[in-house]
C-alpha atoms as a PDB file:
ATOM      1  CA  MET A   1     -30.881 300.209  69.368  1.00  0.00           C
ATOM      2  CA  GLN A   2     -33.636 298.974  71.560  1.00  0.00           C
ATOM      3  CA  HIS A   3     -33.610 298.753  75.309  1.00  0.00           C
ATOM      4  CA  ALA A   4     -35.190 295.769  76.923  1.00  0.00           C
ATOM      5  CA  GLN A   5     -38.036 296.795  79.084  1.00  0.00           C
ATOM      6  CA  GLY A   6     -39.283 294.843  81.963  1.00  0.00           C
ATOM      7  CA  HIS A   7     -39.220 294.636  85.667  1.00  0.00           C
ATOM      8  CA  ARG A   8     -35.938 294.664  87.468  1.00  0.00           C
ATOM      9  CA  GLN A   9     -35.677 292.582  90.564  1.00  0.00           C
ATOM     10  CA  ALA A  10     -33.881 293.904  93.568  1.00  0.00           C
ATOM     11  CA  PRO A  11     -30.801 291.883  94.415  1.00  0.00           C
ATOM     12  CA  ALA A  12     -31.378 289.194  96.966  1.00  0.00           C
ATOM     13  CA  THR A  13     -30.301 290.076 100.467  1.00  0.00           C
ATOM     14  CA  ARG A  14     -29.095 287.708 103.086  1.00  0.00           C
ATOM     15  CA  THR A  15     -28.556 288.078 106.756  1.00  0.00           C
ATOM     16  CA  LEU A  16     -25.010 287.548 107.972  1.00  0.00           C
ATOM     17  CA  PRO A  17     -24.283 285.985 111.332  1.00  0.00           C
ATOM     18  CA  ALA A  18     -23.185 288.418 114.052  1.00  0.00           C
ATOM     19  CA  ALA A  19     -19.611 287.053 113.989  1.00  0.00           C
ATOM     20  CA  ALA A  20     -19.293 287.895 110.299  1.00  0.00           C
ATOM     21  CA  MET A  21     -20.338 291.481 110.952  1.00  0.00           C
ATOM     22  CA  ALA A  22     -17.924 291.965 113.886  1.00  0.00           C
ATOM     23  CA  PRO A  23     -15.200 294.506 113.176  1.00  0.00           C
ATOM     24  CA  ARG A  24     -12.019 293.000 111.803  1.00  0.00           C
ATOM     25  CA  SER A  25      -8.898 293.121 113.894  1.00  0.00           C
ATOM     26  CA  VAL A  26      -5.662 294.443 112.453  1.00  0.00           C
ATOM     27  CA  LEU A  27      -4.245 291.024 113.332  1.00  0.00           C
ATOM     28  CA  GLU A  28      -6.681 289.012 111.258  1.00  0.00           C
ATOM     29  CA  GLY A  29      -4.890 287.404 108.322  1.00  0.00           C
ATOM     30  CA  LEU A  30      -1.434 287.976 109.781  1.00  0.00           C
ATOM     31  CA  TRP A  31       0.807 285.201 111.059  1.00  0.00           C
ATOM     32  CA  VAL A  32       2.006 285.274 114.660  1.00  0.00           C
ATOM     33  CA  LEU A  33       4.638 283.111 116.302  1.00  0.00           C
ATOM     34  CA  LEU A  34       3.443 281.028 119.232  1.00  0.00           C
ATOM     35  CA  VAL A  35       6.089 280.400 121.872  1.00  0.00           C
ATOM     36  CA  ASP A  36       6.043 278.638 125.229  1.00  0.00           C
ATOM     37  CA  ASN A  37       4.655 280.778 128.033  1.00  0.00           C
ATOM     38  CA  GLU A  38       7.511 281.871 130.250  1.00  0.00           C
ATOM     39  CA  GLY A  39       5.758 281.863 133.607  1.00  0.00           C
ATOM     40  CA  GLN A  40       3.177 284.570 132.932  1.00  0.00           C
ATOM     41  CA  LEU A  41       0.169 282.876 134.468  1.00  0.00           C
ATOM     42  CA  GLY A  42      -3.140 283.581 132.850  1.00  0.00           C
ATOM     43  CA  LEU A  43      -1.692 284.774 129.562  1.00  0.00           C
ATOM     44  CA  ALA A  44      -1.303 281.483 127.707  1.00  0.00           C
ATOM     45  CA  ASP A  45      -3.726 279.804 125.358  1.00  0.00           C
ATOM     46  CA  ALA A  46      -5.080 276.308 126.033  1.00  0.00           C
ATOM     47  CA  ASP A  47      -1.763 274.791 124.887  1.00  0.00           C
ATOM     48  CA  GLY A  48       0.307 276.990 127.228  1.00  0.00           C
ATOM     49  CA  ARG A  49       1.624 279.149 124.378  1.00  0.00           C
ATOM     50  CA  VAL A  50       1.574 282.892 123.787  1.00  0.00           C
ATOM     51  CA  PRO A  51       2.125 284.978 120.670  1.00  0.00           C
ATOM     52  CA  MET A  52       5.660 286.337 120.473  1.00  0.00           C
ATOM     53  CA  MET A  53       6.011 289.880 121.736  1.00  0.00           C
ATOM     54  CA  ALA A  54       8.856 292.378 121.653  1.00  0.00           C
ATOM     55  CA  ARG A  55       9.688 295.512 123.568  1.00  0.00           C
ATOM     56  CA  ALA A  56      10.375 298.488 121.282  1.00  0.00           C
ATOM     57  CA  GLY A  57      12.525 301.562 121.826  1.00  0.00           C
ATOM     58  CA  ASP A  58       9.499 303.459 123.135  1.00  0.00           C
ATOM     59  CA  ASP A  59       9.242 300.963 126.041  1.00  0.00           C
ATOM     60  CA  GLN A  60       5.990 299.621 124.621  1.00  0.00           C
ATOM     61  CA  THR A  61       5.292 295.945 124.019  1.00  0.00           C
ATOM     62  CA  TYR A  62       4.263 294.842 120.533  1.00  0.00           C
ATOM     63  CA  LEU A  63       3.108 291.593 118.982  1.00  0.00           C
ATOM     64  CA  LEU A  64       5.160 290.417 116.050  1.00  0.00           C
ATOM     65  CA  GLY A  65       2.977 289.746 113.013  1.00  0.00           C
ATOM     66  CA  PHE A  66       3.935 288.619 109.547  1.00  0.00           C
ATOM     67  CA  LYS A  67       2.124 288.991 106.228  1.00  0.00           C
ATOM     68  CA  ASN A  68       2.768 285.380 105.264  1.00  0.00           C
ATOM     69  CA  VAL A  69       4.222 282.168 106.652  1.00  0.00           C
ATOM     70  CA  VAL A  70       7.404 282.556 104.580  1.00  0.00           C
ATOM     71  CA  LYS A  71       8.244 285.831 106.349  1.00  0.00           C
ATOM     72  CA  ALA A  72       7.430 284.256 109.711  1.00  0.00           C
ATOM     73  CA  ARG A  73       9.792 281.350 109.006  1.00  0.00           C
ATOM     74  CA  GLN A  74      12.510 283.769 107.806  1.00  0.00           C
ATOM     75  CA  PHE A  75      12.238 285.545 111.151  1.00  0.00           C
ATOM     76  CA  LEU A  76      12.530 282.223 113.005  1.00  0.00           C
ATOM     77  CA  ALA A  77      15.655 281.299 111.045  1.00  0.00           C
ATOM     78  CA  ALA A  78      17.285 284.716 111.560  1.00  0.00           C
ATOM     79  CA  ALA A  79      16.453 284.800 115.275  1.00  0.00           C
ATOM     80  CA  SER A  80      17.458 281.146 115.835  1.00  0.00           C
ATOM     81  CA  LEU A  81      14.293 280.395 117.808  1.00  0.00           C
ATOM     82  CA  ASP A  82      13.522 276.806 118.663  1.00  0.00           C
ATOM     83  CA  GLY A  83      10.014 275.637 119.419  1.00  0.00           C
ATOM     84  CA  ALA A  84       8.190 278.655 117.974  1.00  0.00           C
ATOM     85  CA  GLU A  85       5.253 277.832 115.736  1.00  0.00           C
ATOM     86  CA  PRO A  86       3.783 280.136 113.055  1.00  0.00           C
ATOM     87  CA  ARG A  87      -0.014 280.417 113.306  1.00  0.00           C
ATOM     88  CA  MET A  88      -2.366 282.461 111.124  1.00  0.00           C
ATOM     89  CA  VAL A  89      -4.753 284.719 113.006  1.00  0.00           C
ATOM     90  CA  VAL A  90      -8.288 283.831 111.923  1.00  0.00           C
ATOM     91  CA  ARG A  91     -11.736 284.411 113.353  1.00  0.00           C
ATOM     92  CA  GLY A  92     -11.467 281.208 115.415  1.00  0.00           C
ATOM     93  CA  ASN A  93      -8.321 282.214 117.338  1.00  0.00           C
ATOM     94  CA  ARG A  94      -8.419 286.020 117.061  1.00  0.00           C
ATOM     95  CA  ASP A  95     -10.234 286.640 120.350  1.00  0.00           C
ATOM     96  CA  GLU A  96      -7.846 284.422 122.320  1.00  0.00           C
ATOM     97  CA  ILE A  97      -4.785 286.151 120.833  1.00  0.00           C
ATOM     98  CA  LEU A  98      -6.304 289.572 121.525  1.00  0.00           C
ATOM     99  CA  ARG A  99      -7.121 288.529 125.105  1.00  0.00           C
ATOM    100  CA  ILE A 100      -3.503 287.545 125.678  1.00  0.00           C
ATOM    101  CA  ALA A 101      -2.245 290.736 124.031  1.00  0.00           C
ATOM    102  CA  HIS A 102      -4.496 292.997 126.117  1.00  0.00           C
ATOM    103  CA  ALA A 103      -3.545 291.167 129.327  1.00  0.00           C
ATOM    104  CA  ALA A 104       0.131 291.792 128.477  1.00  0.00           C
ATOM    105  CA  HIS A 105      -0.617 295.493 127.783  1.00  0.00           C
ATOM    106  CA  VAL A 106       0.435 295.197 124.145  1.00  0.00           C
ATOM    107  CA  ALA A 107       0.327 298.557 122.362  1.00  0.00           C
ATOM    108  CA  GLY A 108       0.189 297.247 118.806  1.00  0.00           C
ATOM    109  CA  VAL A 109       1.648 294.959 116.206  1.00  0.00           C
ATOM    110  CA  LEU A 110       4.899 295.239 114.269  1.00  0.00           C
ATOM    111  CA  VAL A 111       4.493 293.707 110.824  1.00  0.00           C
ATOM    112  CA  ASP A 112       7.357 291.801 109.179  1.00  0.00           C
ATOM    113  CA  TYR A 113       9.964 292.687 111.793  1.00  0.00           C
ATOM    114  CA  ASP A 114      13.518 291.885 110.675  1.00  0.00           C
ATOM    115  CA  PRO A 115      15.720 290.956 113.655  1.00  0.00           C
ATOM    116  CA  THR A 116      18.949 291.583 111.723  1.00  0.00           C
ATOM    117  CA  THR A 117      18.147 295.207 110.842  1.00  0.00           C
ATOM    118  CA  GLY A 118      15.526 296.102 113.460  1.00  0.00           C
ATOM    119  CA  ALA A 119      13.283 297.377 110.656  1.00  0.00           C
ATOM    120  CA  TYR A 120       9.631 296.503 110.098  1.00  0.00           C
ATOM    121  CA  ALA A 121       7.178 297.015 107.232  1.00  0.00           C
ATOM    122  CA  ALA A 122       4.377 298.574 109.278  1.00  0.00           C
ATOM    123  CA  ALA A 123       3.093 299.180 112.782  1.00  0.00           C
ATOM    124  CA  ALA A 124      -0.523 299.335 113.868  1.00  0.00           C
ATOM    125  CA  GLU A 125      -2.437 299.770 117.097  1.00  0.00           C
ATOM    126  CA  LEU A 126      -4.532 296.882 118.330  1.00  0.00           C
END
């Protein structure tokens, strides 16, 4: 068995834009539910909507996040919410959602919250 001999080239490197190297948020890739702002000035996005939040038993406020749009729509059906709109958190809207969450003193995110049982798949700090 012979080994090929020759020069190996180092893999090509490329420079990533600063936004691509920014740390990922726990929210990125999750779906949130946008609801009409209920009078909390300064918290809404450009369309006057805020991500849905809930108060937990520890008196902390949490964003509701869902792993996929199907789970988000199941929540909407179970909670009988009208006018809420599922929206995926991506790099383009992440900072705005985080700004609203921090202004509302949100402690974290509850993932796949089930309003009928009160259970959720995971919780994470923002």
